[in-house]
N, C-alpha and C. Protein backbone atom coordinates (compact mmCIF):
# COMPACT_ATOMS: atom_id res chain seq x y z
N MET A 1 0.83 -1.19 0.00
CA MET A 1 0.00 0.00 0.00
C MET A 1 0.87 1.25 0.00
N GLY A 2 0.39 2.22 -0.73
CA GLY A 2 1.09 3.49 -0.81
C GLY A 2 0.55 4.46 0.22
N VAL A 3 0.85 5.71 0.02
CA VAL A 3 0.40 6.78 0.89
C VAL A 3 -1.12 6.90 0.81
N CYS A 4 -1.78 7.22 1.90
CA CYS A 4 -3.22 7.49 1.97
C CYS A 4 -4.06 6.26 1.67
N GLY A 5 -3.51 5.06 1.84
CA GLY A 5 -4.29 3.86 1.66
C GLY A 5 -4.54 3.48 0.21
N THR A 6 -3.77 4.01 -0.73
CA THR A 6 -3.96 3.66 -2.13
C THR A 6 -2.78 2.82 -2.60
N SER A 7 -3.04 2.01 -3.56
CA SER A 7 -1.98 1.23 -4.18
C SER A 7 -1.03 2.18 -4.88
N THR A 8 0.24 1.94 -4.76
CA THR A 8 1.23 2.81 -5.39
C THR A 8 1.04 2.87 -6.89
N ALA A 9 0.64 1.77 -7.50
CA ALA A 9 0.48 1.71 -8.96
C ALA A 9 -0.70 2.53 -9.45
N THR A 10 -1.70 2.75 -8.59
CA THR A 10 -2.90 3.46 -9.05
C THR A 10 -3.03 4.85 -8.47
N LYS A 11 -2.10 5.29 -7.68
CA LYS A 11 -2.19 6.62 -7.07
C LYS A 11 -2.01 7.71 -8.12
N LYS A 12 -2.95 8.62 -8.21
CA LYS A 12 -2.89 9.73 -9.15
C LYS A 12 -2.99 11.03 -8.37
N ALA A 13 -2.09 11.94 -8.64
CA ALA A 13 -2.12 13.23 -7.96
C ALA A 13 -3.09 14.16 -8.68
N ARG A 14 -3.84 14.91 -7.94
CA ARG A 14 -4.75 15.91 -8.48
C ARG A 14 -4.51 17.21 -7.75
N VAL A 15 -4.69 18.30 -8.45
CA VAL A 15 -4.56 19.60 -7.82
C VAL A 15 -5.96 20.07 -7.46
N GLN A 16 -6.13 20.47 -6.23
CA GLN A 16 -7.42 20.98 -5.79
C GLN A 16 -7.24 22.44 -5.43
N LEU A 17 -7.78 23.32 -6.24
CA LEU A 17 -7.64 24.75 -5.98
C LEU A 17 -8.51 25.14 -4.80
N GLY A 18 -7.96 25.95 -3.96
CA GLY A 18 -8.74 26.47 -2.84
C GLY A 18 -8.97 25.46 -1.73
N GLY A 19 -8.50 24.27 -1.88
CA GLY A 19 -8.70 23.27 -0.85
C GLY A 19 -7.46 23.17 0.01
N GLU A 20 -7.60 22.48 1.11
CA GLU A 20 -6.41 22.29 1.92
C GLU A 20 -6.11 20.81 2.03
N LEU A 21 -4.85 20.50 2.17
CA LEU A 21 -4.44 19.12 2.29
C LEU A 21 -4.58 18.68 3.73
N ARG A 22 -5.10 17.47 3.90
CA ARG A 22 -5.21 16.91 5.24
C ARG A 22 -4.31 15.68 5.31
N SER A 23 -3.54 15.58 6.32
CA SER A 23 -2.63 14.44 6.53
C SER A 23 -1.76 14.17 5.32
N GLY A 24 -1.45 15.19 4.55
CA GLY A 24 -0.59 15.01 3.40
C GLY A 24 -1.26 14.33 2.22
N CYS A 25 -2.56 14.12 2.26
CA CYS A 25 -3.28 13.45 1.17
C CYS A 25 -4.11 14.46 0.40
N MET A 26 -4.05 14.37 -0.92
CA MET A 26 -4.89 15.25 -1.73
C MET A 26 -6.24 14.60 -1.94
N LYS A 27 -7.25 15.41 -1.99
CA LYS A 27 -8.59 14.90 -2.28
C LYS A 27 -8.66 14.55 -3.77
N ARG A 28 -9.07 13.34 -4.08
CA ARG A 28 -9.17 12.89 -5.47
C ARG A 28 -10.46 13.44 -6.06
N ALA A 29 -10.38 14.00 -7.25
CA ALA A 29 -11.57 14.49 -7.93
C ALA A 29 -12.46 13.31 -8.27
N ALA A 30 -13.75 13.59 -8.39
CA ALA A 30 -14.70 12.53 -8.69
C ALA A 30 -14.37 11.88 -10.03
N GLN A 31 -14.32 10.58 -10.03
CA GLN A 31 -14.06 9.83 -11.25
C GLN A 31 -15.24 10.01 -12.21
N LEU A 32 -14.98 9.96 -13.50
CA LEU A 32 -16.03 10.15 -14.48
C LEU A 32 -16.90 8.90 -14.60
N ARG A 33 -18.20 9.13 -14.56
CA ARG A 33 -19.19 8.10 -14.88
C ARG A 33 -19.90 8.56 -16.13
N ILE A 34 -20.07 7.65 -17.08
CA ILE A 34 -20.75 7.98 -18.33
C ILE A 34 -22.03 7.16 -18.41
N SER A 35 -23.15 7.86 -18.56
CA SER A 35 -24.44 7.20 -18.75
C SER A 35 -24.83 7.37 -20.21
N GLU A 36 -25.31 6.31 -20.80
CA GLU A 36 -25.70 6.32 -22.21
C GLU A 36 -27.21 6.10 -22.32
N LYS A 37 -27.86 7.00 -23.03
CA LYS A 37 -29.29 6.85 -23.28
C LYS A 37 -29.47 6.69 -24.79
N ILE A 38 -30.10 5.61 -25.19
CA ILE A 38 -30.31 5.32 -26.61
C ILE A 38 -31.79 5.47 -26.93
N GLU A 39 -32.07 6.31 -27.91
CA GLU A 39 -33.45 6.53 -28.36
C GLU A 39 -33.44 6.46 -29.88
N GLY A 40 -33.65 5.26 -30.42
CA GLY A 40 -33.60 5.08 -31.87
C GLY A 40 -32.22 5.41 -32.39
N GLN A 41 -32.13 6.42 -33.27
CA GLN A 41 -30.84 6.84 -33.84
C GLN A 41 -30.21 7.98 -33.05
N ASP A 42 -30.75 8.30 -31.90
CA ASP A 42 -30.22 9.37 -31.06
C ASP A 42 -29.51 8.80 -29.84
N ARG A 43 -28.45 9.46 -29.42
CA ARG A 43 -27.69 9.06 -28.24
C ARG A 43 -27.47 10.29 -27.37
N ILE A 44 -27.61 10.07 -26.07
CA ILE A 44 -27.28 11.11 -25.09
C ILE A 44 -26.26 10.51 -24.14
N LEU A 45 -25.08 11.10 -24.10
CA LEU A 45 -24.05 10.69 -23.16
C LEU A 45 -24.00 11.71 -22.04
N SER A 46 -24.27 11.26 -20.83
CA SER A 46 -24.22 12.14 -19.66
C SER A 46 -22.94 11.85 -18.91
N PHE A 47 -22.14 12.90 -18.70
CA PHE A 47 -20.89 12.79 -17.96
C PHE A 47 -21.15 13.26 -16.54
N GLN A 48 -20.78 12.43 -15.56
CA GLN A 48 -20.88 12.83 -14.15
C GLN A 48 -19.49 12.72 -13.54
N GLY A 49 -18.99 13.82 -13.00
CA GLY A 49 -17.66 13.83 -12.40
C GLY A 49 -16.68 14.60 -13.25
N SER A 50 -15.43 14.13 -13.27
CA SER A 50 -14.36 14.82 -13.99
C SER A 50 -13.90 14.00 -15.18
N ALA A 51 -13.92 14.63 -16.35
CA ALA A 51 -13.45 13.98 -17.58
C ALA A 51 -11.99 14.37 -17.78
N ASP A 52 -11.12 13.59 -17.18
CA ASP A 52 -9.70 13.87 -17.27
C ASP A 52 -9.03 12.86 -18.20
N ILE A 53 -7.73 12.89 -18.25
CA ILE A 53 -6.97 12.03 -19.15
C ILE A 53 -7.24 10.55 -18.88
N LEU A 54 -7.55 10.19 -17.65
CA LEU A 54 -7.83 8.79 -17.31
C LEU A 54 -9.15 8.30 -17.90
N SER A 55 -10.06 9.21 -18.16
CA SER A 55 -11.37 8.83 -18.72
C SER A 55 -11.38 8.85 -20.25
N MET A 56 -10.33 9.39 -20.85
CA MET A 56 -10.29 9.53 -22.30
C MET A 56 -10.49 8.20 -23.04
N PRO A 57 -9.86 7.08 -22.63
CA PRO A 57 -10.08 5.83 -23.35
C PRO A 57 -11.55 5.38 -23.37
N ALA A 58 -12.27 5.59 -22.28
CA ALA A 58 -13.68 5.21 -22.25
C ALA A 58 -14.50 6.04 -23.24
N VAL A 59 -14.20 7.33 -23.31
CA VAL A 59 -14.89 8.21 -24.25
C VAL A 59 -14.53 7.81 -25.68
N GLN A 60 -13.26 7.54 -25.93
CA GLN A 60 -12.82 7.10 -27.26
C GLN A 60 -13.50 5.81 -27.67
N ASP A 61 -13.60 4.85 -26.76
CA ASP A 61 -14.24 3.57 -27.07
C ASP A 61 -15.69 3.75 -27.48
N LEU A 62 -16.42 4.57 -26.74
CA LEU A 62 -17.82 4.83 -27.09
C LEU A 62 -17.94 5.48 -28.46
N LEU A 63 -17.11 6.48 -28.72
CA LEU A 63 -17.20 7.19 -30.00
C LEU A 63 -16.73 6.31 -31.17
N THR A 64 -15.80 5.43 -30.92
CA THR A 64 -15.40 4.48 -31.96
C THR A 64 -16.57 3.56 -32.30
N ARG A 65 -17.26 3.09 -31.29
CA ARG A 65 -18.45 2.26 -31.53
C ARG A 65 -19.50 3.05 -32.29
N TYR A 66 -19.72 4.30 -31.89
CA TYR A 66 -20.72 5.14 -32.56
C TYR A 66 -20.38 5.38 -34.03
N SER A 67 -19.09 5.43 -34.34
CA SER A 67 -18.71 5.68 -35.73
C SER A 67 -19.11 4.52 -36.65
N ARG A 68 -19.41 3.36 -36.07
CA ARG A 68 -19.86 2.21 -36.85
C ARG A 68 -21.38 2.07 -36.86
N GLU A 69 -22.07 2.98 -36.21
CA GLU A 69 -23.53 2.93 -36.11
C GLU A 69 -24.15 4.09 -36.88
N GLU A 70 -25.40 3.94 -37.21
CA GLU A 70 -26.16 5.02 -37.86
C GLU A 70 -26.74 5.91 -36.77
N ILE A 71 -26.05 6.98 -36.45
CA ILE A 71 -26.50 7.89 -35.39
C ILE A 71 -26.86 9.23 -36.02
N ARG A 72 -28.05 9.67 -35.72
CA ARG A 72 -28.56 10.94 -36.26
C ARG A 72 -28.16 12.11 -35.36
N LEU A 73 -28.24 11.90 -34.05
CA LEU A 73 -27.99 12.97 -33.08
C LEU A 73 -27.21 12.42 -31.90
N LEU A 74 -26.13 13.11 -31.54
CA LEU A 74 -25.33 12.75 -30.36
C LEU A 74 -25.20 13.99 -29.49
N LEU A 75 -25.75 13.89 -28.28
CA LEU A 75 -25.67 14.99 -27.33
C LEU A 75 -24.80 14.59 -26.15
N PHE A 76 -23.90 15.47 -25.77
CA PHE A 76 -23.08 15.30 -24.58
C PHE A 76 -23.69 16.16 -23.48
N ASP A 77 -24.30 15.53 -22.49
CA ASP A 77 -24.92 16.25 -21.38
C ASP A 77 -23.88 16.45 -20.29
N LEU A 78 -23.50 17.71 -20.09
CA LEU A 78 -22.46 18.05 -19.12
C LEU A 78 -23.02 18.68 -17.85
N SER A 79 -24.32 18.54 -17.63
CA SER A 79 -24.95 19.21 -16.49
C SER A 79 -24.42 18.72 -15.14
N GLU A 80 -23.82 17.53 -15.09
CA GLU A 80 -23.25 17.02 -13.84
C GLU A 80 -21.74 16.82 -13.95
N THR A 81 -21.12 17.56 -14.87
CA THR A 81 -19.68 17.43 -15.10
C THR A 81 -18.95 18.54 -14.37
N GLU A 82 -17.91 18.16 -13.64
CA GLU A 82 -17.13 19.13 -12.87
C GLU A 82 -15.99 19.72 -13.68
N PHE A 83 -15.44 18.92 -14.60
CA PHE A 83 -14.22 19.33 -15.29
C PHE A 83 -14.06 18.49 -16.56
N ILE A 84 -13.55 19.10 -17.63
CA ILE A 84 -13.17 18.36 -18.84
C ILE A 84 -11.82 18.89 -19.28
N ASN A 85 -10.85 18.00 -19.44
CA ASN A 85 -9.55 18.49 -19.90
C ASN A 85 -9.48 18.50 -21.42
N SER A 86 -8.46 19.15 -21.94
CA SER A 86 -8.37 19.36 -23.39
C SER A 86 -8.26 18.07 -24.20
N PRO A 87 -7.59 17.00 -23.74
CA PRO A 87 -7.58 15.78 -24.55
C PRO A 87 -8.98 15.17 -24.74
N VAL A 88 -9.83 15.27 -23.72
CA VAL A 88 -11.20 14.75 -23.87
C VAL A 88 -11.98 15.63 -24.84
N TRP A 89 -11.81 16.95 -24.74
CA TRP A 89 -12.44 17.84 -25.72
C TRP A 89 -11.97 17.50 -27.13
N ALA A 90 -10.69 17.19 -27.28
CA ALA A 90 -10.14 16.86 -28.59
C ALA A 90 -10.80 15.61 -29.17
N VAL A 91 -11.03 14.60 -28.35
CA VAL A 91 -11.69 13.37 -28.81
C VAL A 91 -13.11 13.68 -29.29
N ILE A 92 -13.83 14.48 -28.52
CA ILE A 92 -15.21 14.84 -28.89
C ILE A 92 -15.22 15.66 -30.18
N THR A 93 -14.33 16.63 -30.27
CA THR A 93 -14.28 17.51 -31.45
C THR A 93 -13.88 16.72 -32.70
N LEU A 94 -12.93 15.83 -32.57
CA LEU A 94 -12.51 15.02 -33.71
C LEU A 94 -13.66 14.15 -34.21
N TYR A 95 -14.40 13.55 -33.30
CA TYR A 95 -15.57 12.75 -33.70
C TYR A 95 -16.57 13.64 -34.46
N ALA A 96 -16.85 14.82 -33.91
CA ALA A 96 -17.81 15.73 -34.55
C ALA A 96 -17.35 16.11 -35.95
N ARG A 97 -16.07 16.35 -36.13
CA ARG A 97 -15.54 16.71 -37.46
C ARG A 97 -15.69 15.55 -38.45
N LYS A 98 -15.29 14.37 -38.01
CA LYS A 98 -15.31 13.20 -38.90
C LYS A 98 -16.73 12.78 -39.27
N ARG A 99 -17.68 12.99 -38.37
CA ARG A 99 -19.05 12.51 -38.59
C ARG A 99 -20.01 13.63 -38.97
N ARG A 100 -19.48 14.80 -39.30
CA ARG A 100 -20.32 15.98 -39.56
C ARG A 100 -21.44 15.71 -40.57
N ALA A 101 -21.17 14.93 -41.61
CA ALA A 101 -22.17 14.66 -42.65
C ALA A 101 -23.26 13.69 -42.18
N GLN A 102 -22.94 12.84 -41.19
CA GLN A 102 -23.89 11.82 -40.76
C GLN A 102 -24.59 12.12 -39.44
N THR A 103 -23.91 12.77 -38.53
CA THR A 103 -24.38 12.92 -37.16
C THR A 103 -24.34 14.38 -36.71
N ARG A 104 -25.42 14.83 -36.10
CA ARG A 104 -25.42 16.15 -35.46
C ARG A 104 -24.89 15.96 -34.05
N VAL A 105 -23.84 16.68 -33.70
CA VAL A 105 -23.20 16.56 -32.39
C VAL A 105 -23.34 17.90 -31.67
N ALA A 106 -23.73 17.85 -30.39
CA ALA A 106 -23.87 19.09 -29.62
C ALA A 106 -23.60 18.82 -28.15
N ILE A 107 -23.31 19.91 -27.46
CA ILE A 107 -23.08 19.90 -26.02
C ILE A 107 -24.30 20.53 -25.35
N VAL A 108 -24.78 19.93 -24.26
CA VAL A 108 -25.90 20.50 -23.52
C VAL A 108 -25.55 20.58 -22.03
N GLY A 109 -26.15 21.54 -21.34
CA GLY A 109 -26.02 21.65 -19.90
C GLY A 109 -24.65 22.02 -19.38
N MET A 110 -23.88 22.78 -20.16
CA MET A 110 -22.52 23.13 -19.76
C MET A 110 -22.53 24.23 -18.69
N SER A 111 -21.75 24.00 -17.62
CA SER A 111 -21.64 25.00 -16.55
C SER A 111 -20.80 26.18 -17.02
N GLU A 112 -20.89 27.29 -16.32
CA GLU A 112 -20.09 28.47 -16.65
C GLU A 112 -18.60 28.18 -16.52
N ARG A 113 -18.23 27.36 -15.55
CA ARG A 113 -16.82 27.03 -15.34
C ARG A 113 -16.26 26.28 -16.55
N ILE A 114 -17.00 25.29 -17.02
CA ILE A 114 -16.56 24.52 -18.19
C ILE A 114 -16.65 25.38 -19.45
N LYS A 115 -17.66 26.21 -19.52
CA LYS A 115 -17.84 27.08 -20.69
C LYS A 115 -16.63 28.00 -20.88
N GLY A 116 -16.04 28.47 -19.78
CA GLY A 116 -14.88 29.34 -19.87
C GLY A 116 -13.72 28.67 -20.60
N SER A 117 -13.40 27.45 -20.22
CA SER A 117 -12.29 26.75 -20.89
C SER A 117 -12.68 26.34 -22.31
N PHE A 118 -13.93 25.98 -22.51
CA PHE A 118 -14.45 25.63 -23.83
C PHE A 118 -14.25 26.79 -24.81
N GLU A 119 -14.60 27.99 -24.38
CA GLU A 119 -14.45 29.18 -25.23
C GLU A 119 -12.99 29.60 -25.36
N MET A 120 -12.21 29.43 -24.31
CA MET A 120 -10.80 29.78 -24.36
C MET A 120 -10.08 28.94 -25.42
N MET A 121 -10.52 27.69 -25.59
CA MET A 121 -9.93 26.80 -26.60
C MET A 121 -10.54 27.00 -27.99
N GLY A 122 -11.54 27.89 -28.09
CA GLY A 122 -12.15 28.17 -29.39
C GLY A 122 -13.09 27.09 -29.88
N LEU A 123 -13.59 26.26 -28.99
CA LEU A 123 -14.42 25.12 -29.40
C LEU A 123 -15.83 25.52 -29.82
N GLN A 124 -16.23 26.75 -29.52
CA GLN A 124 -17.55 27.20 -29.97
C GLN A 124 -17.63 27.27 -31.49
N LYS A 125 -16.47 27.27 -32.15
CA LYS A 125 -16.43 27.24 -33.62
C LYS A 125 -16.62 25.82 -34.15
N GLU A 126 -16.43 24.83 -33.29
CA GLU A 126 -16.47 23.43 -33.69
C GLU A 126 -17.73 22.70 -33.22
N LEU A 127 -18.23 23.04 -32.03
CA LEU A 127 -19.32 22.30 -31.42
C LEU A 127 -20.48 23.23 -31.07
N LEU A 128 -21.69 22.79 -31.38
CA LEU A 128 -22.88 23.55 -31.01
C LEU A 128 -23.17 23.34 -29.53
N VAL A 129 -23.70 24.37 -28.88
CA VAL A 129 -24.00 24.32 -27.45
C VAL A 129 -25.44 24.75 -27.23
N PHE A 130 -26.16 23.99 -26.39
CA PHE A 130 -27.54 24.29 -26.04
C PHE A 130 -27.71 24.17 -24.54
N THR A 131 -28.71 24.85 -24.01
CA THR A 131 -28.93 24.82 -22.57
C THR A 131 -29.41 23.46 -22.08
N ASP A 132 -30.22 22.77 -22.89
CA ASP A 132 -30.75 21.48 -22.45
C ASP A 132 -31.05 20.57 -23.65
N VAL A 133 -31.37 19.32 -23.35
CA VAL A 133 -31.61 18.31 -24.37
C VAL A 133 -32.79 18.69 -25.27
N GLU A 134 -33.87 19.16 -24.67
CA GLU A 134 -35.07 19.49 -25.44
C GLU A 134 -34.80 20.60 -26.46
N THR A 135 -34.08 21.62 -26.04
CA THR A 135 -33.74 22.72 -26.95
C THR A 135 -32.85 22.22 -28.09
N ALA A 136 -31.87 21.41 -27.76
CA ALA A 136 -30.97 20.86 -28.79
C ALA A 136 -31.74 20.04 -29.82
N ARG A 137 -32.62 19.18 -29.33
CA ARG A 137 -33.42 18.37 -30.25
C ARG A 137 -34.28 19.24 -31.15
N ARG A 138 -34.93 20.21 -30.56
CA ARG A 138 -35.82 21.09 -31.33
C ARG A 138 -35.02 21.83 -32.41
N GLU A 139 -33.86 22.38 -32.04
CA GLU A 139 -33.06 23.16 -32.98
C GLU A 139 -32.38 22.30 -34.05
N LEU A 140 -31.95 21.12 -33.69
CA LEU A 140 -31.17 20.30 -34.60
C LEU A 140 -31.98 19.35 -35.46
N LEU A 141 -33.16 19.00 -35.02
CA LEU A 141 -33.93 17.99 -35.75
C LEU A 141 -35.15 18.55 -36.48
N ASP A 142 -35.53 19.76 -36.20
CA ASP A 142 -36.70 20.35 -36.90
C ASP A 142 -36.31 21.05 -38.17
């Protein structure tokens, strides 16, 4: 066992802004959970927690599978997402570019905190953003 009761092989350091360290252990950010909702040719992926470099393979695997399916609409629901790093944004953006002719891709429920980094990276030029799933569906499918 390593420091703070974690296996040395799986210990990952995270920076927590504004937090304080207790007993020399950093608080680990919430791991990403991805929920998938399938409605015919539409998919809604809900991210809960932090989409960091460790979650990138799971996102890539889902999008690779989607690239082999007939998907009309793919929405990324970020209403319960705390953080998304640039490699995860890159995976999402690359999928949207490659599938532009077949699939409408959009982001819904983005917090102001995530929106700041999203805009700083210029992703508003690549990905459509809507406040909620219903608005996205109405705008993209009508």
